[in-house]
Amino acid sequence: MGQPTIRDVAERAGVSKSLVSLVLRGSEQVRSEKREAVLRAVRELGYRPNAAARSLSEQRTRTVGVLLNDLRNPWFVDLLDGLNPLLHDHGLHMMLGDARLNRRTGQDLARPFLDLQADGLVVVGTLPDPAALGTVAERIPVVVAGAREPVPAGVDVVAGDDERGAGLVTEHLIGLGHRRVAHLAGYGAVGELRRRSFEAVMRAHGLADRAPVELSDMTEEGGFRTAVRLLSRPERPTAVVAVNDITAVGVLSAAEELGLRVPEDLSVTGYDNTSISRLRHLWLTTVDNAGHEVGRRAARCLLDRFEGAGGTGRVHLAAPTLEIRGTTAPPRSRP
């Protein structure tokens, strides 16, 4: 017996071939009982659609390019975990690209996805020149996820609310009694939003003169080097707000190097609530930047564009939450 066909699936489910096609394309116009009958027939027959033939008939490849600014960033894992299931439910497959590698080799960041005729593109993280996405957006839908740089018209942006998140963690430390709080800041629009929020909260509490800001490169090594300098000062801070979890790990290493105990001598916070922050020997207080929700909303924006929603790009901000763990506590002696 040969491979089962779409006609076999239709006969087993008691529906038409066109309805089977709708179900396989992830259409939401099919009643739930019909959808379940088709999916049950697919499972029972072991039917596998001919992707190449379907692409030709639909003039679509049913693939979505996902361009990651830096594959090493663990927060992107949570974002992809939110992005992929919704795409998969609609019969779409991800193709991953490494923007960092493309930059090193001098490649056009998005060109490979256009050459492979991807149906859409999700750009994850901060790119050096977001305006370059304009020519891509003229050909396929584009969504930027996890970044806040200005983008061309027609490009949707989905990110966490960085100002709100930085405000939450700064208020947490002040509420514990900390008055000398430093910030290891990052680069790009996200880093700028978090820094501005930190400074605004410290200023609102009359602590602007006790709130040093040091620029970091958002890596563990950069966080370590910057924190060693910061914590070696005579008037060292009693708490450090790091721009992300990876930087915070560098701060924890610097504290250990200098003989400071966390949180007894120094409170440390991160940002993004990555898997690193949840390691038991770190157990880092951090901001959950809603990575899974950002990914899910990015997929929804792309699907809306596929279904004909045009117009100017929209900005969607997911609400962050504070995760209080073991690296923050009241300072030893309150001023």
C-alpha atoms as a PDB file:
ATOM      1  CA  MET A   1       0.000   0.000   0.000  1.00  0.00           C
ATOM      2  CA  GLY A   2       1.305   3.450  -0.955  1.00  0.00           C
ATOM      3  CA  GLN A   3       1.524   6.576   1.129  1.00  0.00           C
ATOM      4  CA  PRO A   4      -1.885   7.869   2.294  1.00  0.00           C
ATOM      5  CA  THR A   5      -3.178  10.872   0.372  1.00  0.00           C
ATOM      6  CA  ILE A   6      -5.248  13.876   1.313  1.00  0.00           C
ATOM      7  CA  ARG A   7      -8.206  12.092  -0.325  1.00  0.00           C
ATOM      8  CA  ASP A   8      -7.714   9.160   2.101  1.00  0.00           C
ATOM      9  CA  VAL A   9      -7.723  11.558   5.049  1.00  0.00           C
ATOM     10  CA  ALA A  10     -10.911  13.225   3.779  1.00  0.00           C
ATOM     11  CA  GLU A  11     -12.689   9.878   3.373  1.00  0.00           C
ATOM     12  CA  ARG A  12     -11.614   8.659   6.827  1.00  0.00           C
ATOM     13  CA  ALA A  13     -12.746  11.925   8.472  1.00  0.00           C
ATOM     14  CA  GLY A  14     -15.939  12.152   6.420  1.00  0.00           C
ATOM     15  CA  VAL A  15     -15.153  15.642   5.125  1.00  0.00           C
ATOM     16  CA  SER A  16     -14.085  17.282   1.869  1.00  0.00           C
ATOM     17  CA  LYS A  17     -10.489  17.578   0.653  1.00  0.00           C
ATOM     18  CA  SER A  18     -10.735  21.375   0.851  1.00  0.00           C
ATOM     19  CA  LEU A  19     -11.657  21.179   4.536  1.00  0.00           C
ATOM     20  CA  VAL A  20      -8.668  18.899   5.187  1.00  0.00           C
ATOM     21  CA  SER A  21      -6.468  21.509   3.502  1.00  0.00           C
ATOM     22  CA  LEU A  22      -7.897  24.232   5.734  1.00  0.00           C
ATOM     23  CA  VAL A  23      -7.120  22.201   8.854  1.00  0.00           C
ATOM     24  CA  LEU A  24      -3.570  21.445   7.694  1.00  0.00           C
ATOM     25  CA  ARG A  25      -2.996  25.145   7.037  1.00  0.00           C
ATOM     26  CA  GLY A  26      -4.032  25.983  10.601  1.00  0.00           C
ATOM     27  CA  SER A  27      -7.156  27.884   9.567  1.00  0.00           C
ATOM     28  CA  GLU A  28      -9.341  29.030  12.467  1.00  0.00           C
ATOM     29  CA  GLN A  29     -12.470  28.886  10.280  1.00  0.00           C
ATOM     30  CA  VAL A  30     -13.012  25.148  10.911  1.00  0.00           C
ATOM     31  CA  ARG A  31     -15.352  23.933  13.660  1.00  0.00           C
ATOM     32  CA  SER A  32     -13.574  22.131  16.489  1.00  0.00           C
ATOM     33  CA  GLU A  33     -15.293  18.764  15.932  1.00  0.00           C
ATOM     34  CA  LYS A  34     -14.367  18.771  12.222  1.00  0.00           C
ATOM     35  CA  ARG A  35     -10.794  19.775  13.044  1.00  0.00           C
ATOM     36  CA  GLU A  36     -10.472  16.937  15.551  1.00  0.00           C
ATOM     37  CA  ALA A  37     -11.899  14.419  13.048  1.00  0.00           C
ATOM     38  CA  VAL A  38      -9.305  15.458  10.454  1.00  0.00           C
ATOM     39  CA  LEU A  39      -6.414  15.397  12.922  1.00  0.00           C
ATOM     40  CA  ARG A  40      -7.510  11.978  14.174  1.00  0.00           C
ATOM     41  CA  ALA A  41      -7.594  10.657  10.597  1.00  0.00           C
ATOM     42  CA  VAL A  42      -4.118  12.130   9.975  1.00  0.00           C
ATOM     43  CA  ARG A  43      -2.771  10.310  13.026  1.00  0.00           C
ATOM     44  CA  GLU A  44      -4.469   7.011  12.233  1.00  0.00           C
ATOM     45  CA  LEU A  45      -3.309   6.974   8.613  1.00  0.00           C
ATOM     46  CA  GLY A  46       0.139   8.368   9.301  1.00  0.00           C
ATOM     47  CA  TYR A  47      -0.464  11.015   6.646  1.00  0.00           C
ATOM     48  CA  ARG A  48       2.360  13.484   5.964  1.00  0.00           C
ATOM     49  CA  PRO A  49       1.687  16.461   3.673  1.00  0.00           C
ATOM     50  CA  ASN A  50       3.964  16.962   0.704  1.00  0.00           C
ATOM     51  CA  ALA A  51       5.521  20.233   1.784  1.00  0.00           C
ATOM     52  CA  ALA A  52       7.070  20.989  -1.597  1.00  0.00           C
ATOM     53  CA  ALA A  53       3.834  20.459  -3.495  1.00  0.00           C
ATOM     54  CA  ARG A  54       1.873  22.477  -0.980  1.00  0.00           C
ATOM     55  CA  SER A  55       4.360  25.342  -1.213  1.00  0.00           C
ATOM     56  CA  LEU A  56       3.998  25.420  -4.986  1.00  0.00           C
ATOM     57  CA  SER A  57       0.190  25.414  -4.872  1.00  0.00           C
ATOM     58  CA  GLU A  58       0.030  28.121  -2.186  1.00  0.00           C
ATOM     59  CA  GLN A  59       3.017  30.101  -3.469  1.00  0.00           C
ATOM     60  CA  ARG A  60       4.327  30.015   0.096  1.00  0.00           C
ATOM     61  CA  THR A  61       7.167  28.103   1.740  1.00  0.00           C
ATOM     62  CA  ARG A  62       5.432  28.037   5.149  1.00  0.00           C
ATOM     63  CA  THR A  63       8.717  29.026   6.789  1.00  0.00           C
ATOM     64  CA  VAL A  64       9.470  31.969   9.069  1.00  0.00           C
ATOM     65  CA  GLY A  65      12.973  33.366   9.360  1.00  0.00           C
ATOM     66  CA  VAL A  66      14.139  34.088  12.917  1.00  0.00           C
ATOM     67  CA  LEU A  67      17.222  36.310  13.051  1.00  0.00           C
ATOM     68  CA  LEU A  68      18.873  36.249  16.498  1.00  0.00           C
ATOM     69  CA  ASN A  69      21.108  39.150  17.447  1.00  0.00           C
ATOM     70  CA  ASP A  70      23.237  36.892  19.665  1.00  0.00           C
ATOM     71  CA  LEU A  71      22.729  33.138  20.018  1.00  0.00           C
ATOM     72  CA  ARG A  72      24.512  33.247  23.390  1.00  0.00           C
ATOM     73  CA  ASN A  73      21.793  35.299  25.108  1.00  0.00           C
ATOM     74  CA  PRO A  74      19.804  32.861  27.307  1.00  0.00           C
ATOM     75  CA  TRP A  75      16.734  35.156  27.398  1.00  0.00           C
ATOM     76  CA  PHE A  76      16.181  34.409  23.723  1.00  0.00           C
ATOM     77  CA  VAL A  77      15.474  30.765  24.623  1.00  0.00           C
ATOM     78  CA  ASP A  78      12.354  31.820  26.558  1.00  0.00           C
ATOM     79  CA  LEU A  79      11.285  34.060  23.684  1.00  0.00           C
ATOM     80  CA  LEU A  80      11.655  31.249  21.133  1.00  0.00           C
ATOM     81  CA  ASP A  81       9.728  28.960  23.468  1.00  0.00           C
ATOM     82  CA  GLY A  82       6.803  31.371  23.209  1.00  0.00           C
ATOM     83  CA  LEU A  83       7.212  32.017  19.481  1.00  0.00           C
ATOM     84  CA  ASN A  84       7.488  28.491  18.076  1.00  0.00           C
ATOM     85  CA  PRO A  85       4.318  26.741  19.371  1.00  0.00           C
ATOM     86  CA  LEU A  86       1.928  29.279  17.823  1.00  0.00           C
ATOM     87  CA  LEU A  87       3.801  29.195  14.514  1.00  0.00           C
ATOM     88  CA  HIS A  88       3.788  25.395  14.602  1.00  0.00           C
ATOM     89  CA  ASP A  89       0.046  25.305  15.311  1.00  0.00           C
ATOM     90  CA  HIS A  90      -0.449  27.246  12.075  1.00  0.00           C
ATOM     91  CA  GLY A  91       1.746  24.932  10.005  1.00  0.00           C
ATOM     92  CA  LEU A  92       4.797  27.215   9.986  1.00  0.00           C
ATOM     93  CA  HIS A  93       8.420  26.256  10.592  1.00  0.00           C
ATOM     94  CA  MET A  94      11.281  28.370  11.946  1.00  0.00           C
ATOM     95  CA  MET A  95      14.621  28.934  10.194  1.00  0.00           C
ATOM     96  CA  LEU A  96      17.211  30.345  12.602  1.00  0.00           C
ATOM     97  CA  GLY A  97      19.935  32.781  11.600  1.00  0.00           C
ATOM     98  CA  ASP A  98      22.828  34.237  13.618  1.00  0.00           C
ATOM     99  CA  ALA A  99      23.084  38.005  13.065  1.00  0.00           C
ATOM    100  CA  ARG A 100      26.403  38.143  14.905  1.00  0.00           C
ATOM    101  CA  LEU A 101      27.976  35.661  12.475  1.00  0.00           C
ATOM    102  CA  ASN A 102      26.455  37.462   9.488  1.00  0.00           C
ATOM    103  CA  ARG A 103      27.999  40.751  10.631  1.00  0.00           C
ATOM    104  CA  ARG A 104      31.431  39.157  11.025  1.00  0.00           C
ATOM    105  CA  THR A 105      31.298  37.703   7.518  1.00  0.00           C
ATOM    106  CA  GLY A 106      29.908  40.906   6.000  1.00  0.00           C
ATOM    107  CA  GLN A 107      26.623  39.318   4.916  1.00  0.00           C
ATOM    108  CA  ASP A 108      23.382  41.210   4.475  1.00  0.00           C
ATOM    109  CA  LEU A 109      21.544  40.250   7.666  1.00  0.00           C
ATOM    110  CA  ALA A 110      18.169  39.444   6.105  1.00  0.00           C
ATOM    111  CA  ARG A 111      19.174  38.501   2.561  1.00  0.00           C
ATOM    112  CA  PRO A 112      19.433  34.718   3.224  1.00  0.00           C
ATOM    113  CA  PHE A 113      15.792  34.635   4.331  1.00  0.00           C
ATOM    114  CA  LEU A 114      14.664  36.472   1.206  1.00  0.00           C
ATOM    115  CA  ASP A 115      16.722  34.121  -0.952  1.00  0.00           C
ATOM    116  CA  LEU A 116      15.051  31.146   0.735  1.00  0.00           C
ATOM    117  CA  GLN A 117      11.663  32.808   0.164  1.00  0.00           C
ATOM    118  CA  ALA A 118      10.643  32.856   3.815  1.00  0.00           C
ATOM    119  CA  ASP A 119       7.054  33.992   4.334  1.00  0.00           C
ATOM    120  CA  GLY A 120       7.986  36.340   7.163  1.00  0.00           C
ATOM    121  CA  LEU A 121      10.815  37.425   9.451  1.00  0.00           C
ATOM    122  CA  VAL A 122      11.112  37.800  13.234  1.00  0.00           C
ATOM    123  CA  VAL A 123      14.168  39.789  14.334  1.00  0.00           C
ATOM    124  CA  VAL A 124      15.110  38.979  17.932  1.00  0.00           C
ATOM    125  CA  GLY A 125      17.199  41.496  19.859  1.00  0.00           C
ATOM    126  CA  THR A 126      18.964  44.722  18.980  1.00  0.00           C
ATOM    127  CA  LEU A 127      20.396  45.073  15.481  1.00  0.00           C
ATOM    128  CA  PRO A 128      23.018  47.743  14.671  1.00  0.00           C
ATOM    129  CA  ASP A 129      20.913  49.185  11.824  1.00  0.00           C
ATOM    130  CA  PRO A 130      17.177  48.459  12.227  1.00  0.00           C
ATOM    131  CA  ALA A 131      16.423  50.864   9.345  1.00  0.00           C
ATOM    132  CA  ALA A 132      17.912  48.260   6.992  1.00  0.00           C
ATOM    133  CA  LEU A 133      14.806  46.169   7.604  1.00  0.00           C
ATOM    134  CA  GLY A 134      12.782  48.612   5.485  1.00  0.00           C
ATOM    135  CA  THR A 135      13.553  46.915   2.174  1.00  0.00           C
ATOM    136  CA  VAL A 136      12.737  43.510   3.688  1.00  0.00           C
ATOM    137  CA  ALA A 137       9.432  44.775   5.126  1.00  0.00           C
ATOM    138  CA  GLU A 138       8.407  45.885   1.639  1.00  0.00           C
ATOM    139  CA  ARG A 139       8.474  42.223   0.555  1.00  0.00           C
ATOM    140  CA  ILE A 140       7.502  40.144   3.619  1.00  0.00           C
ATOM    141  CA  PRO A 141       5.986  40.844   7.064  1.00  0.00           C
ATOM    142  CA  VAL A 142       8.625  41.707   9.691  1.00  0.00           C
ATOM    143  CA  VAL A 143       8.327  41.720  13.489  1.00  0.00           C
ATOM    144  CA  VAL A 144      11.053  42.909  15.873  1.00  0.00           C
ATOM    145  CA  ALA A 145      11.008  41.162  19.265  1.00  0.00           C
ATOM    146  CA  GLY A 146      12.891  42.129  22.412  1.00  0.00           C
ATOM    147  CA  ALA A 147      14.296  45.444  21.132  1.00  0.00           C
ATOM    148  CA  ARG A 148      13.102  49.052  21.278  1.00  0.00           C
ATOM    149  CA  GLU A 149      15.064  50.821  18.529  1.00  0.00           C
ATOM    150  CA  PRO A 150      13.063  52.820  15.955  1.00  0.00           C
ATOM    151  CA  VAL A 151      11.984  50.602  13.058  1.00  0.00           C
ATOM    152  CA  PRO A 152      10.615  51.292   9.559  1.00  0.00           C
ATOM    153  CA  ALA A 153       6.896  51.829   9.029  1.00  0.00           C
ATOM    154  CA  GLY A 154       4.944  48.599   8.792  1.00  0.00           C
ATOM    155  CA  VAL A 155       7.234  46.704  11.204  1.00  0.00           C
ATOM    156  CA  ASP A 156       5.665  45.562  14.473  1.00  0.00           C
ATOM    157  CA  VAL A 157       7.663  45.704  17.721  1.00  0.00           C
ATOM    158  CA  VAL A 158       7.036  43.393  20.684  1.00  0.00           C
ATOM    159  CA  ALA A 159       9.094  43.782  23.864  1.00  0.00           C
ATOM    160  CA  GLY A 160       8.981  43.881  27.632  1.00  0.00           C
ATOM    161  CA  ASP A 161       8.244  47.160  29.404  1.00  0.00           C
ATOM    162  CA  ASP A 162      11.848  47.948  30.366  1.00  0.00           C
ATOM    163  CA  GLU A 163      11.096  51.193  32.175  1.00  0.00           C
ATOM    164  CA  ARG A 164       8.527  49.523  34.381  1.00  0.00           C
ATOM    165  CA  GLY A 165      10.778  46.537  35.078  1.00  0.00           C
ATOM    166  CA  ALA A 166      13.793  48.644  36.075  1.00  0.00           C
ATOM    167  CA  GLY A 167      11.523  50.729  38.286  1.00  0.00           C
ATOM    168  CA  LEU A 168      10.245  47.599  40.063  1.00  0.00           C
ATOM    169  CA  VAL A 169      13.682  46.312  40.988  1.00  0.00           C
ATOM    170  CA  THR A 170      15.008  49.732  42.049  1.00  0.00           C
ATOM    171  CA  GLU A 171      11.971  50.334  44.285  1.00  0.00           C
ATOM    172  CA  HIS A 172      12.537  46.868  45.781  1.00  0.00           C
ATOM    173  CA  LEU A 173      16.064  47.761  46.883  1.00  0.00           C
ATOM    174  CA  ILE A 174      15.045  51.150  48.251  1.00  0.00           C
ATOM    175  CA  GLY A 175      12.198  49.465  50.117  1.00  0.00           C
ATOM    176  CA  LEU A 176      14.740  47.155  51.770  1.00  0.00           C
ATOM    177  CA  GLY A 177      16.550  50.239  53.067  1.00  0.00           C
ATOM    178  CA  HIS A 178      19.348  50.650  50.533  1.00  0.00           C
ATOM    179  CA  ARG A 179      20.402  54.234  49.904  1.00  0.00           C
ATOM    180  CA  ARG A 180      23.654  53.747  47.953  1.00  0.00           C
ATOM    181  CA  VAL A 181      22.538  51.829  44.877  1.00  0.00           C
ATOM    182  CA  ALA A 182      24.651  51.546  41.704  1.00  0.00           C
ATOM    183  CA  HIS A 183      23.576  50.568  38.219  1.00  0.00           C
ATOM    184  CA  LEU A 184      25.631  48.629  35.692  1.00  0.00           C
ATOM    185  CA  ALA A 185      24.035  49.912  32.514  1.00  0.00           C
ATOM    186  CA  GLY A 186      23.870  48.406  29.035  1.00  0.00           C
ATOM    187  CA  TYR A 187      23.814  49.636  25.465  1.00  0.00           C
ATOM    188  CA  GLY A 188      21.077  50.252  22.895  1.00  0.00           C
ATOM    189  CA  ALA A 189      17.544  51.468  23.475  1.00  0.00           C
ATOM    190  CA  VAL A 190      16.795  48.712  26.019  1.00  0.00           C
ATOM    191  CA  GLY A 191      19.851  49.626  28.091  1.00  0.00           C
ATOM    192  CA  GLU A 192      18.940  53.307  27.879  1.00  0.00           C
ATOM    193  CA  LEU A 193      15.343  52.724  29.020  1.00  0.00           C
ATOM    194  CA  ARG A 194      16.467  50.680  32.019  1.00  0.00           C
ATOM    195  CA  ARG A 195      19.087  53.265  32.987  1.00  0.00           C
ATOM    196  CA  ARG A 196      16.652  56.182  32.705  1.00  0.00           C
ATOM    197  CA  SER A 197      14.100  54.380  34.863  1.00  0.00           C
ATOM    198  CA  PHE A 198      16.705  53.553  37.531  1.00  0.00           C
ATOM    199  CA  GLU A 199      17.825  57.186  37.670  1.00  0.00           C
ATOM    200  CA  ALA A 200      14.255  58.491  37.780  1.00  0.00           C
ATOM    201  CA  VAL A 201      13.337  56.279  40.753  1.00  0.00           C
ATOM    202  CA  MET A 202      16.506  57.169  42.669  1.00  0.00           C
ATOM    203  CA  ARG A 203      15.882  60.851  41.953  1.00  0.00           C
ATOM    204  CA  ALA A 204      12.264  60.605  43.128  1.00  0.00           C
ATOM    205  CA  HIS A 205      13.532  59.269  46.473  1.00  0.00           C
ATOM    206  CA  GLY A 206      16.135  62.044  46.798  1.00  0.00           C
ATOM    207  CA  LEU A 207      19.001  59.607  46.185  1.00  0.00           C
ATOM    208  CA  ALA A 208      20.372  60.897  42.887  1.00  0.00           C
ATOM    209  CA  ASP A 209      23.759  61.734  44.446  1.00  0.00           C
ATOM    210  CA  ARG A 210      24.085  58.137  45.709  1.00  0.00           C
ATOM    211  CA  ALA A 211      23.298  56.413  42.427  1.00  0.00           C
ATOM    212  CA  PRO A 212      26.467  55.892  40.345  1.00  0.00           C
ATOM    213  CA  VAL A 213      25.976  54.490  36.840  1.00  0.00           C
ATOM    214  CA  GLU A 214      28.725  52.507  35.135  1.00  0.00           C
ATOM    215  CA  LEU A 215      28.508  51.349  31.525  1.00  0.00           C
ATOM    216  CA  SER A 216      28.882  47.599  30.932  1.00  0.00           C
ATOM    217  CA  ASP A 217      29.032  45.538  27.751  1.00  0.00           C
ATOM    218  CA  MET A 218      26.247  43.227  29.072  1.00  0.00           C
ATOM    219  CA  THR A 219      28.589  40.224  29.420  1.00  0.00           C
ATOM    220  CA  GLU A 220      29.745  38.320  32.501  1.00  0.00           C
ATOM    221  CA  GLU A 221      33.363  39.416  32.046  1.00  0.00           C
ATOM    222  CA  GLY A 222      32.329  43.034  31.516  1.00  0.00           C
ATOM    223  CA  GLY A 223      30.154  42.925  34.621  1.00  0.00           C
ATOM    224  CA  PHE A 224      33.035  41.480  36.642  1.00  0.00           C
ATOM    225  CA  ARG A 225      35.574  44.116  35.572  1.00  0.00           C
ATOM    226  CA  THR A 226      33.190  47.024  36.073  1.00  0.00           C
ATOM    227  CA  ALA A 227      31.981  45.734  39.452  1.00  0.00           C
ATOM    228  CA  VAL A 228      35.531  45.271  40.761  1.00  0.00           C
ATOM    229  CA  ARG A 229      36.237  48.962  40.076  1.00  0.00           C
ATOM    230  CA  LEU A 230      32.899  50.046  41.525  1.00  0.00           C
ATOM    231  CA  LEU A 231      33.091  47.957  44.689  1.00  0.00           C
ATOM    232  CA  SER A 232      36.706  48.976  45.408  1.00  0.00           C
ATOM    233  CA  ARG A 233      35.706  52.596  46.044  1.00  0.00           C
ATOM    234  CA  PRO A 234      35.761  53.934  49.619  1.00  0.00           C
ATOM    235  CA  GLU A 235      32.037  54.737  49.463  1.00  0.00           C
ATOM    236  CA  ARG A 236      30.995  51.504  47.816  1.00  0.00           C
ATOM    237  CA  PRO A 237      27.305  50.874  47.113  1.00  0.00           C
ATOM    238  CA  THR A 238      25.316  48.477  49.271  1.00  0.00           C
ATOM    239  CA  ALA A 239      23.356  47.252  46.241  1.00  0.00           C
ATOM    240  CA  VAL A 240      23.907  46.857  42.491  1.00  0.00           C
ATOM    241  CA  VAL A 241      21.230  46.807  39.793  1.00  0.00           C
ATOM    242  CA  ALA A 242      22.698  44.947  36.814  1.00  0.00           C
ATOM    243  CA  VAL A 243      21.285  45.512  33.321  1.00  0.00           C
ATOM    244  CA  ASN A 244      20.791  41.760  32.777  1.00  0.00           C
ATOM    245  CA  ASP A 245      21.343  38.409  34.468  1.00  0.00           C
ATOM    246  CA  ILE A 246      24.645  37.711  32.734  1.00  0.00           C
ATOM    247  CA  THR A 247      26.097  41.015  33.966  1.00  0.00           C
ATOM    248  CA  ALA A 248      24.789  40.226  37.454  1.00  0.00           C
ATOM    249  CA  VAL A 249      26.742  36.942  37.454  1.00  0.00           C
ATOM    250  CA  GLY A 250      29.879  39.018  36.847  1.00  0.00           C
ATOM    251  CA  VAL A 251      28.953  41.246  39.804  1.00  0.00           C
ATOM    252  CA  LEU A 252      28.536  38.182  42.051  1.00  0.00           C
ATOM    253  CA  SER A 253      32.001  36.966  41.011  1.00  0.00           C
ATOM    254  CA  ALA A 254      33.492  40.403  41.746  1.00  0.00           C
ATOM    255  CA  ALA A 255      31.898  40.452  45.196  1.00  0.00           C
ATOM    256  CA  GLU A 256      33.407  37.048  45.971  1.00  0.00           C
ATOM    257  CA  GLU A 257      36.808  38.195  44.695  1.00  0.00           C
ATOM    258  CA  LEU A 258      36.689  41.191  47.067  1.00  0.00           C
ATOM    259  CA  GLY A 259      35.529  39.170  50.064  1.00  0.00           C
ATOM    260  CA  LEU A 260      31.993  40.577  50.108  1.00  0.00           C
ATOM    261  CA  ARG A 261      29.106  38.316  51.051  1.00  0.00           C
ATOM    262  CA  VAL A 262      25.849  38.417  49.096  1.00  0.00           C
ATOM    263  CA  PRO A 263      23.349  39.541  50.295  1.00  0.00           C
ATOM    264  CA  GLU A 264      24.821  40.366  53.739  1.00  0.00           C
ATOM    265  CA  ASP A 265      27.385  42.892  52.449  1.00  0.00           C
ATOM    266  CA  LEU A 266      25.967  43.536  48.992  1.00  0.00           C
ATOM    267  CA  SER A 267      22.590  43.020  47.337  1.00  0.00           C
ATOM    268  CA  VAL A 268      22.658  42.181  43.631  1.00  0.00           C
ATOM    269  CA  THR A 269      19.830  42.103  41.088  1.00  0.00           C
ATOM    270  CA  GLY A 270      19.659  41.017  37.468  1.00  0.00           C
ATOM    271  CA  TYR A 271      17.149  41.388  34.662  1.00  0.00           C
ATOM    272  CA  ASP A 272      15.391  38.893  32.324  1.00  0.00           C
ATOM    273  CA  ASN A 273      14.795  35.945  34.715  1.00  0.00           C
ATOM    274  CA  THR A 274      16.843  33.603  32.542  1.00  0.00           C
ATOM    275  CA  SER A 275      17.601  30.010  33.465  1.00  0.00           C
ATOM    276  CA  ILE A 276      20.907  31.275  34.883  1.00  0.00           C
ATOM    277  CA  SER A 277      19.095  33.275  37.556  1.00  0.00           C
ATOM    278  CA  ARG A 278      17.233  30.174  38.706  1.00  0.00           C
ATOM    279  CA  LEU A 279      20.363  28.086  39.352  1.00  0.00           C
ATOM    280  CA  ARG A 280      20.233  27.158  43.031  1.00  0.00           C
ATOM    281  CA  HIS A 281      23.763  28.318  43.874  1.00  0.00           C
ATOM    282  CA  LEU A 282      22.969  31.754  42.389  1.00  0.00           C
ATOM    283  CA  TRP A 283      19.223  32.153  43.110  1.00  0.00           C
ATOM    284  CA  LEU A 284      19.290  35.688  41.722  1.00  0.00           C
ATOM    285  CA  THR A 285      16.682  38.353  42.372  1.00  0.00           C
ATOM    286  CA  THR A 286      15.721  39.549  38.906  1.00  0.00           C
ATOM    287  CA  VAL A 287      12.999  40.972  36.677  1.00  0.00           C
ATOM    288  CA  ASP A 288      10.959  38.532  34.642  1.00  0.00           C
ATOM    289  CA  ASN A 289      10.817  40.302  31.288  1.00  0.00           C
ATOM    290  CA  ALA A 290       7.967  38.106  30.009  1.00  0.00           C
ATOM    291  CA  GLY A 291      10.118  36.452  27.341  1.00  0.00           C
ATOM    292  CA  HIS A 292       7.597  33.704  26.641  1.00  0.00           C
ATOM    293  CA  GLU A 293       4.784  36.244  26.255  1.00  0.00           C
ATOM    294  CA  VAL A 294       6.936  38.455  24.011  1.00  0.00           C
ATOM    295  CA  GLY A 295       7.557  35.453  21.733  1.00  0.00           C
ATOM    296  CA  ARG A 296       3.881  34.502  21.666  1.00  0.00           C
ATOM    297  CA  ARG A 297       2.797  38.059  20.820  1.00  0.00           C
ATOM    298  CA  ALA A 298       5.466  38.303  18.111  1.00  0.00           C
ATOM    299  CA  ALA A 299       4.037  35.161  16.493  1.00  0.00           C
ATOM    300  CA  ARG A 300       0.523  36.591  16.741  1.00  0.00           C
ATOM    301  CA  CYS A 301       1.608  39.848  15.054  1.00  0.00           C
ATOM    302  CA  LEU A 302       3.180  37.890  12.214  1.00  0.00           C
ATOM    303  CA  LEU A 303       0.063  35.760  11.756  1.00  0.00           C
ATOM    304  CA  ASP A 304      -2.099  38.889  11.707  1.00  0.00           C
ATOM    305  CA  ARG A 305       0.073  40.274   8.916  1.00  0.00           C
ATOM    306  CA  PHE A 306      -0.279  37.019   6.987  1.00  0.00           C
ATOM    307  CA  GLU A 307      -4.043  37.326   7.279  1.00  0.00           C
ATOM    308  CA  GLY A 308      -4.024  40.739   5.662  1.00  0.00           C
ATOM    309  CA  ALA A 309      -3.648  43.178   8.547  1.00  0.00           C
ATOM    310  CA  GLY A 310      -1.661  46.042   7.050  1.00  0.00           C
ATOM    311  CA  GLY A 311      -1.044  49.595   8.166  1.00  0.00           C
ATOM    312  CA  THR A 312       1.696  51.102  10.262  1.00  0.00           C
ATOM    313  CA  GLY A 313       3.659  49.019  12.713  1.00  0.00           C
ATOM    314  CA  ARG A 314       2.445  48.658  16.263  1.00  0.00           C
ATOM    315  CA  VAL A 315       4.363  48.509  19.567  1.00  0.00           C
ATOM    316  CA  HIS A 316       3.264  45.862  22.073  1.00  0.00           C
ATOM    317  CA  LEU A 317       4.757  45.883  25.582  1.00  0.00           C
ATOM    318  CA  ALA A 318       4.453  42.872  27.883  1.00  0.00           C
ATOM    319  CA  ALA A 319       4.240  43.547  31.626  1.00  0.00           C
ATOM    320  CA  PRO A 320       7.319  42.513  33.663  1.00  0.00           C
ATOM    321  CA  THR A 321       7.239  41.088  37.187  1.00  0.00           C
ATOM    322  CA  LEU A 322       9.770  41.039  40.001  1.00  0.00           C
ATOM    323  CA  GLU A 323      11.238  37.691  41.111  1.00  0.00           C
ATOM    324  CA  ILE A 324      12.646  38.075  44.629  1.00  0.00           C
ATOM    325  CA  ARG A 325      15.194  35.399  45.489  1.00  0.00           C
ATOM    326  CA  GLY A 326      18.299  35.096  47.599  1.00  0.00           C
ATOM    327  CA  THR A 327      20.624  37.888  46.467  1.00  0.00           C
ATOM    328  CA  THR A 328      18.790  40.820  48.040  1.00  0.00           C
ATOM    329  CA  ALA A 329      18.320  41.726  51.700  1.00  0.00           C
ATOM    330  CA  PRO A 330      18.316  44.869  53.883  1.00  0.00           C
ATOM    331  CA  PRO A 331      21.729  46.534  54.251  1.00  0.00           C
ATOM    332  CA  ARG A 332      23.630  45.775  57.431  1.00  0.00           C
ATOM    333  CA  SER A 333      23.133  49.225  58.892  1.00  0.00           C
ATOM    334  CA  ARG A 334      20.549  51.619  57.517  1.00  0.00           C
ATOM    335  CA  PRO A 335      21.605  55.274  57.218  1.00  0.00           C
END
